[in-house]
Amino acid sequence: MARKGLKLNMRVLLTLAFAMFSLIASVNTSMALPSVQEESHDCHSVDDLSRGNIREFKDNYIPKEYFPTPEYMVFVDLGVLVLLILIGVFLVWRRKSQKAMTLMAIITFAYLGFIRGGCVCPVGAISNTTMGLITPAEVGLASLIIFMVPLIIALIIGRVFCTSGCPLGAVQHIVQKSKKTIKLPKKLNNALKIVPILMLIATVYFAIQSACFFVCEVEPYKVLFFTGQTWFEQALAYILGHPMEPKFLLAFGIGTWLYLIAILVLGYWVPRPFCRFLCPYGVLLGVVSFFSFKPRKIKDHNCVYCGMCEKVCPTQAIAIDRKNKYSYVSNYDCVQCNKCNDICKKDAF
């Protein structure tokens, strides 16, 4: 007998557990921090021996050495990004199982998100590129390449980057419910598509006016990436014999963690909420994908209009009309996850 009620898969539990643990730790850390008034009462002079010989400790103290990330790593990250997208292109071209795309999303999240902090991402590169158009000296060639590569790939075969290469999309792909997700009413879904366009306009405006990375301020997953990167660097420094602070370091405050948890919970039931209703780069990818040379299509002579592909599509990019024998794929919305290929028994894609 099938179990009733909510059934979370393991990857969702792990992601939510990570977020909840970090939130609790951040609460405990903030409660443990002394106030300014407490610090003033606990302050001792260097000649006060109640806490040991402070003067001797000060004279003998050797600051810990920190090793900044080498500049060449941006090109390593760029190479990884291009490789991930190209592998994604191969998987889409060969119509491989969506499990392979899920594996690509996990690799993307692990490296570009957890290890590298999610900062090598074309979504934020919109601001970099806008600033570069005004003051070219402020933006390097690497940022321009990061911005352009997914668009070039989208012109060939669609929004492969959204599943294979984007750390933001990878989190949403991993967390979303595998079956029976919530489908928004068509009118509401279409109305919400206006928000990413407004986000794109706002991102460009703030980049011009104040050099502000607007989209990076509103996207919820940065707290997950930054904390994960910090923990990775702590573990790596310990292994290499250069230990950092002997405690878990946390990025951002409680409100940001609550925002993340809310989006993760929403993304479990409504797939890819950020991709569909906030991401400004998705607008650019969608427009370019509309003109792609090899778009995803439904073969009318194979399709039996069963509607199974429409049910599993996470972005509601597929429309099936049984009565009028009509089928359509919106390449503006399609993120090339290959779920429709898996569910279709008639080889219609």
C-alpha atoms as a PDB file:
ATOM      1  CA  MET A   1       0.000   0.000   0.000  1.00  0.00           C
ATOM      2  CA  ALA A   2       1.310   3.410  -0.924  1.00  0.00           C
ATOM      3  CA  ARG A   3       2.164   5.628   1.979  1.00  0.00           C
ATOM      4  CA  LYS A   4      -0.068   8.622   2.522  1.00  0.00           C
ATOM      5  CA  GLY A   5       1.095  12.111   3.269  1.00  0.00           C
ATOM      6  CA  LEU A   6       4.333  13.926   2.532  1.00  0.00           C
ATOM      7  CA  LYS A   7       7.188  11.807   1.304  1.00  0.00           C
ATOM      8  CA  LEU A   8      10.461  13.708   0.977  1.00  0.00           C
ATOM      9  CA  ASN A   9      13.279  12.083  -0.931  1.00  0.00           C
ATOM     10  CA  MET A  10      16.760  11.878   0.530  1.00  0.00           C
ATOM     11  CA  ARG A  11      18.293  14.761  -1.426  1.00  0.00           C
ATOM     12  CA  VAL A  12      15.576  17.169  -0.242  1.00  0.00           C
ATOM     13  CA  LEU A  13      16.044  16.059   3.366  1.00  0.00           C
ATOM     14  CA  LEU A  14      19.811  16.577   3.164  1.00  0.00           C
ATOM     15  CA  THR A  15      19.443  20.061   1.671  1.00  0.00           C
ATOM     16  CA  LEU A  16      16.837  21.157   4.214  1.00  0.00           C
ATOM     17  CA  ALA A  17      18.817  19.580   7.057  1.00  0.00           C
ATOM     18  CA  PHE A  18      21.902  21.555   5.978  1.00  0.00           C
ATOM     19  CA  ALA A  19      19.889  24.775   5.926  1.00  0.00           C
ATOM     20  CA  MET A  20      18.228  24.104   9.288  1.00  0.00           C
ATOM     21  CA  PHE A  21      21.519  23.155  10.961  1.00  0.00           C
ATOM     22  CA  SER A  22      23.168  26.324   9.685  1.00  0.00           C
ATOM     23  CA  LEU A  23      20.197  28.424  10.842  1.00  0.00           C
ATOM     24  CA  ILE A  24      20.342  26.947  14.353  1.00  0.00           C
ATOM     25  CA  ALA A  25      24.097  27.425  14.469  1.00  0.00           C
ATOM     26  CA  SER A  26      23.713  31.026  13.371  1.00  0.00           C
ATOM     27  CA  VAL A  27      21.165  31.639  16.146  1.00  0.00           C
ATOM     28  CA  ASN A  28      23.487  30.111  18.730  1.00  0.00           C
ATOM     29  CA  THR A  29      26.421  32.126  17.420  1.00  0.00           C
ATOM     30  CA  SER A  30      24.501  35.398  17.528  1.00  0.00           C
ATOM     31  CA  MET A  31      23.302  34.676  21.072  1.00  0.00           C
ATOM     32  CA  ALA A  32      26.827  33.890  22.178  1.00  0.00           C
ATOM     33  CA  LEU A  33      28.271  37.157  20.905  1.00  0.00           C
ATOM     34  CA  PRO A  34      28.805  39.687  23.692  1.00  0.00           C
ATOM     35  CA  SER A  35      27.174  43.065  23.482  1.00  0.00           C
ATOM     36  CA  VAL A  36      29.131  46.290  23.337  1.00  0.00           C
ATOM     37  CA  GLN A  37      28.265  46.957  26.975  1.00  0.00           C
ATOM     38  CA  GLU A  38      29.465  43.520  28.085  1.00  0.00           C
ATOM     39  CA  GLU A  39      32.699  43.946  26.162  1.00  0.00           C
ATOM     40  CA  SER A  40      33.382  47.238  27.908  1.00  0.00           C
ATOM     41  CA  HIS A  41      33.016  45.605  31.356  1.00  0.00           C
ATOM     42  CA  ASP A  42      35.193  42.623  30.427  1.00  0.00           C
ATOM     43  CA  CYS A  43      37.990  44.733  28.977  1.00  0.00           C
ATOM     44  CA  HIS A  44      41.343  44.346  30.733  1.00  0.00           C
ATOM     45  CA  SER A  45      44.593  46.229  30.405  1.00  0.00           C
ATOM     46  CA  VAL A  46      47.753  44.458  29.283  1.00  0.00           C
ATOM     47  CA  ASP A  47      49.099  44.670  32.857  1.00  0.00           C
ATOM     48  CA  ASP A  48      46.069  42.920  34.415  1.00  0.00           C
ATOM     49  CA  LEU A  49      47.189  39.359  35.244  1.00  0.00           C
ATOM     50  CA  SER A  50      43.678  38.080  36.033  1.00  0.00           C
ATOM     51  CA  ARG A  51      43.579  36.570  32.558  1.00  0.00           C
ATOM     52  CA  GLY A  52      47.203  35.571  32.358  1.00  0.00           C
ATOM     53  CA  ASN A  53      50.165  37.483  31.062  1.00  0.00           C
ATOM     54  CA  ILE A  54      48.459  39.411  28.269  1.00  0.00           C
ATOM     55  CA  ARG A  55      51.564  41.444  27.477  1.00  0.00           C
ATOM     56  CA  GLU A  56      53.648  38.312  26.931  1.00  0.00           C
ATOM     57  CA  PHE A  57      50.925  36.765  24.769  1.00  0.00           C
ATOM     58  CA  LYS A  58      50.706  39.948  22.695  1.00  0.00           C
ATOM     59  CA  ASP A  59      54.490  40.070  22.153  1.00  0.00           C
ATOM     60  CA  ASN A  60      54.683  36.413  21.121  1.00  0.00           C
ATOM     61  CA  TYR A  61      51.470  36.247  19.061  1.00  0.00           C
ATOM     62  CA  ILE A  62      51.959  35.177  15.452  1.00  0.00           C
ATOM     63  CA  PRO A  63      48.960  35.940  13.212  1.00  0.00           C
ATOM     64  CA  LYS A  64      47.548  33.043  11.211  1.00  0.00           C
ATOM     65  CA  GLU A  65      48.469  33.036   7.551  1.00  0.00           C
ATOM     66  CA  TYR A  66      45.655  33.123   5.039  1.00  0.00           C
ATOM     67  CA  PHE A  67      46.137  32.121   1.438  1.00  0.00           C
ATOM     68  CA  PRO A  68      43.963  34.024  -1.051  1.00  0.00           C
ATOM     69  CA  THR A  69      42.477  32.218  -4.037  1.00  0.00           C
ATOM     70  CA  PRO A  70      44.947  32.350  -6.972  1.00  0.00           C
ATOM     71  CA  GLU A  71      43.874  34.576  -9.841  1.00  0.00           C
ATOM     72  CA  TYR A  72      44.145  31.726 -12.333  1.00  0.00           C
ATOM     73  CA  MET A  73      41.241  29.937 -10.617  1.00  0.00           C
ATOM     74  CA  VAL A  74      38.739  32.082 -12.511  1.00  0.00           C
ATOM     75  CA  PHE A  75      39.970  30.472 -15.731  1.00  0.00           C
ATOM     76  CA  VAL A  76      39.809  27.023 -14.130  1.00  0.00           C
ATOM     77  CA  ASP A  77      36.223  27.746 -13.133  1.00  0.00           C
ATOM     78  CA  LEU A  78      35.482  29.004 -16.625  1.00  0.00           C
ATOM     79  CA  GLY A  79      36.870  25.773 -18.060  1.00  0.00           C
ATOM     80  CA  VAL A  80      34.710  23.702 -15.687  1.00  0.00           C
ATOM     81  CA  LEU A  81      31.642  25.760 -16.606  1.00  0.00           C
ATOM     82  CA  VAL A  82      32.201  25.246 -20.337  1.00  0.00           C
ATOM     83  CA  LEU A  83      32.869  21.530 -19.828  1.00  0.00           C
ATOM     84  CA  LEU A  84      29.660  21.075 -17.812  1.00  0.00           C
ATOM     85  CA  ILE A  85      27.590  22.849 -20.456  1.00  0.00           C
ATOM     86  CA  LEU A  86      29.150  20.830 -23.300  1.00  0.00           C
ATOM     87  CA  ILE A  87      28.445  17.568 -21.472  1.00  0.00           C
ATOM     88  CA  GLY A  88      24.893  18.804 -20.963  1.00  0.00           C
ATOM     89  CA  VAL A  89      24.635  19.502 -24.712  1.00  0.00           C
ATOM     90  CA  PHE A  90      25.747  15.933 -25.434  1.00  0.00           C
ATOM     91  CA  LEU A  91      23.187  14.485 -23.001  1.00  0.00           C
ATOM     92  CA  VAL A  92      20.378  16.566 -24.511  1.00  0.00           C
ATOM     93  CA  TRP A  93      21.466  15.858 -28.089  1.00  0.00           C
ATOM     94  CA  ARG A  94      21.592  12.111 -27.432  1.00  0.00           C
ATOM     95  CA  ARG A  95      18.358  12.234 -25.428  1.00  0.00           C
ATOM     96  CA  LYS A  96      19.895  10.595 -22.396  1.00  0.00           C
ATOM     97  CA  SER A  97      17.943   9.830 -19.239  1.00  0.00           C
ATOM     98  CA  GLN A  98      16.984  12.726 -16.977  1.00  0.00           C
ATOM     99  CA  LYS A  99      18.960  10.891 -14.275  1.00  0.00           C
ATOM    100  CA  ALA A 100      22.096  11.872 -16.196  1.00  0.00           C
ATOM    101  CA  MET A 101      20.947  15.507 -16.114  1.00  0.00           C
ATOM    102  CA  THR A 102      20.353  15.184 -12.372  1.00  0.00           C
ATOM    103  CA  LEU A 103      23.915  13.929 -11.972  1.00  0.00           C
ATOM    104  CA  MET A 104      25.136  16.974 -13.913  1.00  0.00           C
ATOM    105  CA  ALA A 105      23.123  19.212 -11.591  1.00  0.00           C
ATOM    106  CA  ILE A 106      24.696  17.566  -8.540  1.00  0.00           C
ATOM    107  CA  ILE A 107      28.212  18.052  -9.965  1.00  0.00           C
ATOM    108  CA  THR A 108      27.391  21.674 -10.800  1.00  0.00           C
ATOM    109  CA  PHE A 109      26.097  22.304  -7.289  1.00  0.00           C
ATOM    110  CA  ALA A 110      29.081  20.538  -5.666  1.00  0.00           C
ATOM    111  CA  TYR A 111      31.785  22.458  -7.555  1.00  0.00           C
ATOM    112  CA  LEU A 112      30.406  25.792  -8.771  1.00  0.00           C
ATOM    113  CA  GLY A 113      28.049  26.131  -5.809  1.00  0.00           C
ATOM    114  CA  PHE A 114      29.433  24.465  -2.695  1.00  0.00           C
ATOM    115  CA  ILE A 115      33.182  24.615  -3.428  1.00  0.00           C
ATOM    116  CA  ARG A 116      33.429  27.842  -5.429  1.00  0.00           C
ATOM    117  CA  GLY A 117      30.650  29.770  -3.680  1.00  0.00           C
ATOM    118  CA  GLY A 118      28.328  30.165  -6.678  1.00  0.00           C
ATOM    119  CA  CYS A 119      30.145  33.270  -7.881  1.00  0.00           C
ATOM    120  CA  VAL A 120      31.194  31.928 -11.275  1.00  0.00           C
ATOM    121  CA  CYS A 121      27.744  32.373 -12.729  1.00  0.00           C
ATOM    122  CA  PRO A 122      26.421  34.269 -15.769  1.00  0.00           C
ATOM    123  CA  VAL A 123      23.371  35.387 -13.758  1.00  0.00           C
ATOM    124  CA  GLY A 124      25.489  37.842 -11.797  1.00  0.00           C
ATOM    125  CA  ALA A 125      27.557  38.523 -14.919  1.00  0.00           C
ATOM    126  CA  ILE A 126      24.693  40.636 -16.262  1.00  0.00           C
ATOM    127  CA  SER A 127      25.825  43.381 -13.894  1.00  0.00           C
ATOM    128  CA  ASN A 128      29.491  42.825 -14.787  1.00  0.00           C
ATOM    129  CA  THR A 129      28.779  43.076 -18.497  1.00  0.00           C
ATOM    130  CA  THR A 130      26.609  46.172 -18.068  1.00  0.00           C
ATOM    131  CA  MET A 131      29.355  47.898 -16.088  1.00  0.00           C
ATOM    132  CA  GLY A 132      31.863  46.810 -18.724  1.00  0.00           C
ATOM    133  CA  LEU A 133      29.877  48.495 -21.479  1.00  0.00           C
ATOM    134  CA  ILE A 134      30.172  51.764 -19.556  1.00  0.00           C
ATOM    135  CA  THR A 135      33.701  51.335 -18.195  1.00  0.00           C
ATOM    136  CA  PRO A 136      35.495  48.516 -20.057  1.00  0.00           C
ATOM    137  CA  ALA A 137      38.458  48.589 -17.685  1.00  0.00           C
ATOM    138  CA  GLU A 138      36.245  47.388 -14.808  1.00  0.00           C
ATOM    139  CA  VAL A 139      35.354  44.033 -16.379  1.00  0.00           C
ATOM    140  CA  GLY A 140      37.803  41.443 -17.645  1.00  0.00           C
ATOM    141  CA  LEU A 141      37.595  39.066 -20.574  1.00  0.00           C
ATOM    142  CA  ALA A 142      36.705  36.123 -18.323  1.00  0.00           C
ATOM    143  CA  SER A 143      33.492  37.819 -17.142  1.00  0.00           C
ATOM    144  CA  LEU A 144      32.448  38.513 -20.717  1.00  0.00           C
ATOM    145  CA  ILE A 145      33.086  34.883 -21.723  1.00  0.00           C
ATOM    146  CA  ILE A 146      31.124  33.618 -18.711  1.00  0.00           C
ATOM    147  CA  PHE A 147      28.233  35.834 -19.780  1.00  0.00           C
ATOM    148  CA  MET A 148      28.327  34.854 -23.466  1.00  0.00           C
ATOM    149  CA  VAL A 149      28.967  31.080 -23.461  1.00  0.00           C
ATOM    150  CA  PRO A 150      25.503  29.962 -22.214  1.00  0.00           C
ATOM    151  CA  LEU A 151      23.845  32.343 -24.685  1.00  0.00           C
ATOM    152  CA  ILE A 152      25.838  30.904 -27.587  1.00  0.00           C
ATOM    153  CA  ILE A 153      24.925  27.367 -26.523  1.00  0.00           C
ATOM    154  CA  ALA A 154      21.277  28.415 -26.149  1.00  0.00           C
ATOM    155  CA  LEU A 155      21.315  29.632 -29.756  1.00  0.00           C
ATOM    156  CA  ILE A 156      22.361  26.127 -30.807  1.00  0.00           C
ATOM    157  CA  ILE A 157      20.270  23.816 -28.625  1.00  0.00           C
ATOM    158  CA  GLY A 158      18.397  25.791 -25.979  1.00  0.00           C
ATOM    159  CA  ARG A 159      18.738  26.459 -22.252  1.00  0.00           C
ATOM    160  CA  VAL A 160      21.123  23.611 -21.377  1.00  0.00           C
ATOM    161  CA  PHE A 161      22.930  25.912 -18.953  1.00  0.00           C
ATOM    162  CA  CYS A 162      19.917  26.052 -16.621  1.00  0.00           C
ATOM    163  CA  THR A 163      20.389  22.402 -15.653  1.00  0.00           C
ATOM    164  CA  SER A 164      24.044  21.748 -16.540  1.00  0.00           C
ATOM    165  CA  GLY A 165      26.174  24.704 -15.488  1.00  0.00           C
ATOM    166  CA  CYS A 166      24.054  27.034 -13.359  1.00  0.00           C
ATOM    167  CA  PRO A 167      24.502  26.498  -9.595  1.00  0.00           C
ATOM    168  CA  LEU A 168      21.183  28.258  -8.937  1.00  0.00           C
ATOM    169  CA  GLY A 169      19.335  26.007 -11.352  1.00  0.00           C
ATOM    170  CA  ALA A 170      21.170  22.960  -9.998  1.00  0.00           C
ATOM    171  CA  VAL A 171      19.819  23.511  -6.465  1.00  0.00           C
ATOM    172  CA  GLN A 172      16.280  23.836  -7.785  1.00  0.00           C
ATOM    173  CA  HIS A 173      16.623  20.755  -9.984  1.00  0.00           C
ATOM    174  CA  ILE A 174      17.882  18.655  -7.060  1.00  0.00           C
ATOM    175  CA  VAL A 175      15.279  19.848  -4.550  1.00  0.00           C
ATOM    176  CA  GLN A 176      12.124  19.687  -6.676  1.00  0.00           C
ATOM    177  CA  LYS A 177       9.599  16.924  -6.101  1.00  0.00           C
ATOM    178  CA  SER A 178       9.995  14.120  -8.633  1.00  0.00           C
ATOM    179  CA  LYS A 179       6.275  13.591  -9.238  1.00  0.00           C
ATOM    180  CA  LYS A 180       2.946  15.353  -8.773  1.00  0.00           C
ATOM    181  CA  THR A 181       4.298  18.876  -8.513  1.00  0.00           C
ATOM    182  CA  ILE A 182       1.940  21.853  -8.361  1.00  0.00           C
ATOM    183  CA  LYS A 183       1.019  23.300 -11.749  1.00  0.00           C
ATOM    184  CA  LEU A 184       0.095  26.965 -11.673  1.00  0.00           C
ATOM    185  CA  PRO A 185      -2.999  28.171 -13.565  1.00  0.00           C
ATOM    186  CA  LYS A 186      -2.043  29.199 -17.083  1.00  0.00           C
ATOM    187  CA  LYS A 187      -2.993  32.858 -16.628  1.00  0.00           C
ATOM    188  CA  LEU A 188      -1.061  33.149 -13.358  1.00  0.00           C
ATOM    189  CA  ASN A 189       1.964  31.364 -14.824  1.00  0.00           C
ATOM    190  CA  ASN A 190       2.029  33.727 -17.813  1.00  0.00           C
ATOM    191  CA  ALA A 191       1.530  36.799 -15.599  1.00  0.00           C
ATOM    192  CA  LEU A 192       4.464  35.850 -13.356  1.00  0.00           C
ATOM    193  CA  LYS A 193       6.757  35.709 -16.398  1.00  0.00           C
ATOM    194  CA  ILE A 194       6.695  39.505 -16.404  1.00  0.00           C
ATOM    195  CA  VAL A 195       8.647  39.577 -13.104  1.00  0.00           C
ATOM    196  CA  PRO A 196      11.963  38.283 -14.569  1.00  0.00           C
ATOM    197  CA  ILE A 197      11.729  40.935 -17.286  1.00  0.00           C
ATOM    198  CA  LEU A 198      11.359  43.601 -14.603  1.00  0.00           C
ATOM    199  CA  MET A 199      14.265  41.982 -12.739  1.00  0.00           C
ATOM    200  CA  LEU A 200      16.424  42.266 -15.860  1.00  0.00           C
ATOM    201  CA  ILE A 201      15.560  45.947 -16.244  1.00  0.00           C
ATOM    202  CA  ALA A 202      16.272  46.569 -12.532  1.00  0.00           C
ATOM    203  CA  THR A 203      19.572  44.654 -12.693  1.00  0.00           C
ATOM    204  CA  VAL A 204      20.802  46.734 -15.636  1.00  0.00           C
ATOM    205  CA  TYR A 205      19.538  49.977 -14.065  1.00  0.00           C
ATOM    206  CA  PHE A 206      21.268  49.455 -10.717  1.00  0.00           C
ATOM    207  CA  ALA A 207      24.461  48.335 -12.447  1.00  0.00           C
ATOM    208  CA  ILE A 208      24.519  51.603 -14.370  1.00  0.00           C
ATOM    209  CA  GLN A 209      23.477  53.854 -11.494  1.00  0.00           C
ATOM    210  CA  SER A 210      25.384  52.438  -8.544  1.00  0.00           C
ATOM    211  CA  ALA A 211      27.462  49.448  -9.662  1.00  0.00           C
ATOM    212  CA  CYS A 212      25.100  47.306  -7.569  1.00  0.00           C
ATOM    213  CA  PHE A 213      24.692  43.570  -8.217  1.00  0.00           C
ATOM    214  CA  PHE A 214      20.925  43.677  -7.776  1.00  0.00           C
ATOM    215  CA  VAL A 215      20.165  40.082  -8.743  1.00  0.00           C
ATOM    216  CA  CYS A 216      22.808  38.818  -6.307  1.00  0.00           C
ATOM    217  CA  GLU A 217      21.031  40.721  -3.536  1.00  0.00           C
ATOM    218  CA  VAL A 218      17.665  39.067  -4.119  1.00  0.00           C
ATOM    219  CA  GLU A 219      18.622  35.499  -5.056  1.00  0.00           C
ATOM    220  CA  PRO A 220      18.177  33.189  -2.050  1.00  0.00           C
ATOM    221  CA  TYR A 221      20.813  30.515  -2.645  1.00  0.00           C
ATOM    222  CA  LYS A 222      23.938  32.605  -1.997  1.00  0.00           C
ATOM    223  CA  VAL A 223      23.754  31.868   1.730  1.00  0.00           C
ATOM    224  CA  LEU A 224      23.921  28.143   0.944  1.00  0.00           C
ATOM    225  CA  PHE A 225      26.849  28.610  -1.443  1.00  0.00           C
ATOM    226  CA  PHE A 226      28.889  30.985   0.715  1.00  0.00           C
ATOM    227  CA  THR A 227      28.498  28.874   3.852  1.00  0.00           C
ATOM    228  CA  GLY A 228      29.331  25.718   1.938  1.00  0.00           C
ATOM    229  CA  GLN A 229      32.418  27.342   0.432  1.00  0.00           C
ATOM    230  CA  THR A 230      33.532  28.507   3.872  1.00  0.00           C
ATOM    231  CA  TRP A 231      33.171  25.031   5.353  1.00  0.00           C
ATOM    232  CA  PHE A 232      35.037  23.499   2.416  1.00  0.00           C
ATOM    233  CA  GLU A 233      37.896  25.975   2.770  1.00  0.00           C
ATOM    234  CA  GLN A 234      38.043  25.320   6.532  1.00  0.00           C
ATOM    235  CA  ALA A 235      38.306  21.563   5.945  1.00  0.00           C
ATOM    236  CA  LEU A 236      40.887  22.013   3.174  1.00  0.00           C
ATOM    237  CA  ALA A 237      42.999  24.380   5.288  1.00  0.00           C
ATOM    238  CA  TYR A 238      42.944  21.871   8.147  1.00  0.00           C
ATOM    239  CA  ILE A 239      44.067  19.045   5.856  1.00  0.00           C
ATOM    240  CA  LEU A 240      46.878  21.182   4.426  1.00  0.00           C
ATOM    241  CA  GLY A 241      48.089  22.076   7.912  1.00  0.00           C
ATOM    242  CA  HIS A 242      46.940  25.704   7.921  1.00  0.00           C
ATOM    243  CA  PRO A 243      43.828  25.535  10.165  1.00  0.00           C
ATOM    244  CA  MET A 244      41.401  28.432  10.150  1.00  0.00           C
ATOM    245  CA  GLU A 245      38.989  29.347  12.942  1.00  0.00           C
ATOM    246  CA  PRO A 246      38.151  26.244  15.047  1.00  0.00           C
ATOM    247  CA  LYS A 247      34.380  26.673  14.640  1.00  0.00           C
ATOM    248  CA  PHE A 248      31.773  26.649  11.903  1.00  0.00           C
ATOM    249  CA  LEU A 249      31.718  29.994  10.138  1.00  0.00           C
ATOM    250  CA  LEU A 250      28.327  31.159   8.884  1.00  0.00           C
ATOM    251  CA  ALA A 251      27.381  33.586   6.156  1.00  0.00           C
ATOM    252  CA  PHE A 252      24.541  36.117   6.515  1.00  0.00           C
ATOM    253  CA  GLY A 253      21.897  36.414   9.198  1.00  0.00           C
ATOM    254  CA  ILE A 254      18.826  34.554  10.365  1.00  0.00           C
ATOM    255  CA  GLY A 255      16.467  36.379   7.993  1.00  0.00           C
ATOM    256  CA  THR A 256      18.478  35.283   4.954  1.00  0.00           C
ATOM    257  CA  TRP A 257      18.417  31.667   6.142  1.00  0.00           C
ATOM    258  CA  LEU A 258      14.662  31.801   6.629  1.00  0.00           C
ATOM    259  CA  TYR A 259      14.331  33.224   3.107  1.00  0.00           C
ATOM    260  CA  LEU A 260      16.387  30.305   1.764  1.00  0.00           C
ATOM    261  CA  ILE A 261      14.346  27.686   3.636  1.00  0.00           C
ATOM    262  CA  ALA A 262      11.086  29.222   2.395  1.00  0.00           C
ATOM    263  CA  ILE A 263      12.306  29.123  -1.221  1.00  0.00           C
ATOM    264  CA  LEU A 264      13.535  25.528  -0.835  1.00  0.00           C
ATOM    265  CA  VAL A 265      10.155  24.428   0.516  1.00  0.00           C
ATOM    266  CA  LEU A 266       8.342  26.317  -2.264  1.00  0.00           C
ATOM    267  CA  GLY A 267      10.713  24.821  -4.855  1.00  0.00           C
ATOM    268  CA  TYR A 268       9.890  21.317  -3.669  1.00  0.00           C
ATOM    269  CA  TRP A 269       6.243  21.720  -4.677  1.00  0.00           C
ATOM    270  CA  VAL A 270       6.511  24.382  -7.408  1.00  0.00           C
ATOM    271  CA  PRO A 271       9.595  23.488  -9.500  1.00  0.00           C
ATOM    272  CA  ARG A 272      12.272  26.102 -10.171  1.00  0.00           C
ATOM    273  CA  PRO A 273      10.613  29.198  -8.680  1.00  0.00           C
ATOM    274  CA  PHE A 274      13.716  31.367  -9.094  1.00  0.00           C
ATOM    275  CA  CYS A 275      14.390  30.233 -12.684  1.00  0.00           C
ATOM    276  CA  ARG A 276      10.813  30.844 -13.754  1.00  0.00           C
ATOM    277  CA  PHE A 277       9.741  33.908 -11.807  1.00  0.00           C
ATOM    278  CA  LEU A 278      12.866  35.883 -10.850  1.00  0.00           C
ATOM    279  CA  CYS A 279      15.968  35.076 -12.907  1.00  0.00           C
ATOM    280  CA  PRO A 280      16.868  37.932 -15.305  1.00  0.00           C
ATOM    281  CA  TYR A 281      19.413  35.816 -17.175  1.00  0.00           C
ATOM    282  CA  GLY A 282      16.661  33.310 -17.919  1.00  0.00           C
ATOM    283  CA  VAL A 283      14.937  36.036 -19.962  1.00  0.00           C
ATOM    284  CA  LEU A 284      18.000  36.387 -22.178  1.00  0.00           C
ATOM    285  CA  LEU A 285      18.413  32.621 -22.479  1.00  0.00           C
ATOM    286  CA  GLY A 286      14.724  32.205 -23.278  1.00  0.00           C
ATOM    287  CA  VAL A 287      14.758  34.804 -26.042  1.00  0.00           C
ATOM    288  CA  VAL A 288      17.894  33.315 -27.617  1.00  0.00           C
ATOM    289  CA  SER A 289      16.526  29.758 -27.276  1.00  0.00           C
ATOM    290  CA  PHE A 290      13.433  30.810 -29.184  1.00  0.00           C
ATOM    291  CA  PHE A 291      15.706  31.134 -32.235  1.00  0.00           C
ATOM    292  CA  SER A 292      17.851  28.039 -31.552  1.00  0.00           C
ATOM    293  CA  PHE A 293      18.956  25.905 -34.492  1.00  0.00           C
ATOM    294  CA  LYS A 294      17.953  22.640 -32.842  1.00  0.00           C
ATOM    295  CA  PRO A 295      15.017  23.387 -30.544  1.00  0.00           C
ATOM    296  CA  ARG A 296      13.116  20.719 -28.638  1.00  0.00           C
ATOM    297  CA  LYS A 297      10.086  19.710 -30.689  1.00  0.00           C
ATOM    298  CA  ILE A 298       7.257  17.191 -30.556  1.00  0.00           C
ATOM    299  CA  LYS A 299       6.906  14.931 -33.594  1.00  0.00           C
ATOM    300  CA  ASP A 300       3.247  15.167 -34.549  1.00  0.00           C
ATOM    301  CA  HIS A 301       3.276  11.824 -36.364  1.00  0.00           C
ATOM    302  CA  ASN A 302       4.493  10.052 -33.181  1.00  0.00           C
ATOM    303  CA  CYS A 303       2.598  11.972 -30.498  1.00  0.00           C
ATOM    304  CA  VAL A 304      -0.624  10.384 -29.212  1.00  0.00           C
ATOM    305  CA  TYR A 305      -1.473  13.446 -27.096  1.00  0.00           C
ATOM    306  CA  CYS A 306      -1.499  11.485 -23.840  1.00  0.00           C
ATOM    307  CA  GLY A 307      -0.300  14.532 -21.872  1.00  0.00           C
ATOM    308  CA  MET A 308       2.269  12.661 -19.765  1.00  0.00           C
ATOM    309  CA  CYS A 309       5.101  14.978 -20.842  1.00  0.00           C
ATOM    310  CA  GLU A 310       2.999  17.997 -19.908  1.00  0.00           C
ATOM    311  CA  LYS A 311       2.538  16.620 -16.392  1.00  0.00           C
ATOM    312  CA  VAL A 312       6.258  16.085 -15.696  1.00  0.00           C
ATOM    313  CA  CYS A 313       7.580  19.303 -17.262  1.00  0.00           C
ATOM    314  CA  PRO A 314       8.950  21.400 -14.362  1.00  0.00           C
ATOM    315  CA  THR A 315       8.566  24.743 -16.132  1.00  0.00           C
ATOM    316  CA  GLN A 316       5.172  24.162 -17.777  1.00  0.00           C
ATOM    317  CA  ALA A 317       6.833  24.554 -21.160  1.00  0.00           C
ATOM    318  CA  ILE A 318       4.693  21.841 -22.827  1.00  0.00           C
ATOM    319  CA  ALA A 319       1.083  22.268 -23.901  1.00  0.00           C
ATOM    320  CA  ILE A 320      -1.003  19.281 -25.033  1.00  0.00           C
ATOM    321  CA  ASP A 321      -4.561  19.573 -26.363  1.00  0.00           C
ATOM    322  CA  ARG A 322      -6.112  16.129 -26.845  1.00  0.00           C
ATOM    323  CA  LYS A 323      -9.347  17.405 -28.308  1.00  0.00           C
ATOM    324  CA  ASN A 324      -7.749  19.435 -31.072  1.00  0.00           C
ATOM    325  CA  LYS A 325      -4.732  17.139 -31.503  1.00  0.00           C
ATOM    326  CA  TYR A 326      -2.310  19.946 -30.688  1.00  0.00           C
ATOM    327  CA  SER A 327       1.100  19.817 -28.989  1.00  0.00           C
ATOM    328  CA  TYR A 328       3.666  22.521 -28.389  1.00  0.00           C
ATOM    329  CA  VAL A 329       6.997  23.063 -26.587  1.00  0.00           C
ATOM    330  CA  SER A 330       7.978  26.569 -25.505  1.00  0.00           C
ATOM    331  CA  ASN A 331      11.738  26.771 -25.911  1.00  0.00           C
ATOM    332  CA  TYR A 332      11.592  30.069 -24.036  1.00  0.00           C
ATOM    333  CA  ASP A 333      10.632  28.107 -20.903  1.00  0.00           C
ATOM    334  CA  CYS A 334      12.262  24.702 -21.556  1.00  0.00           C
ATOM    335  CA  VAL A 335      15.370  24.105 -19.399  1.00  0.00           C
ATOM    336  CA  GLN A 336      16.421  20.877 -21.186  1.00  0.00           C
ATOM    337  CA  CYS A 337      16.021  18.563 -18.199  1.00  0.00           C
ATOM    338  CA  ASN A 338      15.090  15.590 -20.449  1.00  0.00           C
ATOM    339  CA  LYS A 339      12.146  14.560 -18.247  1.00  0.00           C
ATOM    340  CA  CYS A 340       9.804  14.574 -21.242  1.00  0.00           C
ATOM    341  CA  ASN A 341      12.128  12.178 -23.087  1.00  0.00           C
ATOM    342  CA  ASP A 342      11.985   9.733 -20.196  1.00  0.00           C
ATOM    343  CA  ILE A 343       8.215   9.722 -19.816  1.00  0.00           C
ATOM    344  CA  CYS A 344       7.357   9.553 -23.525  1.00  0.00           C
ATOM    345  CA  LYS A 345       6.824   5.980 -24.765  1.00  0.00           C
ATOM    346  CA  LYS A 346       6.310   6.969 -28.399  1.00  0.00           C
ATOM    347  CA  ASP A 347       9.678   8.640 -29.076  1.00  0.00           C
ATOM    348  CA  ALA A 348       7.854  11.860 -29.877  1.00  0.00           C
ATOM    349  CA  PHE A 349      10.672  14.270 -28.896  1.00  0.00           C
END
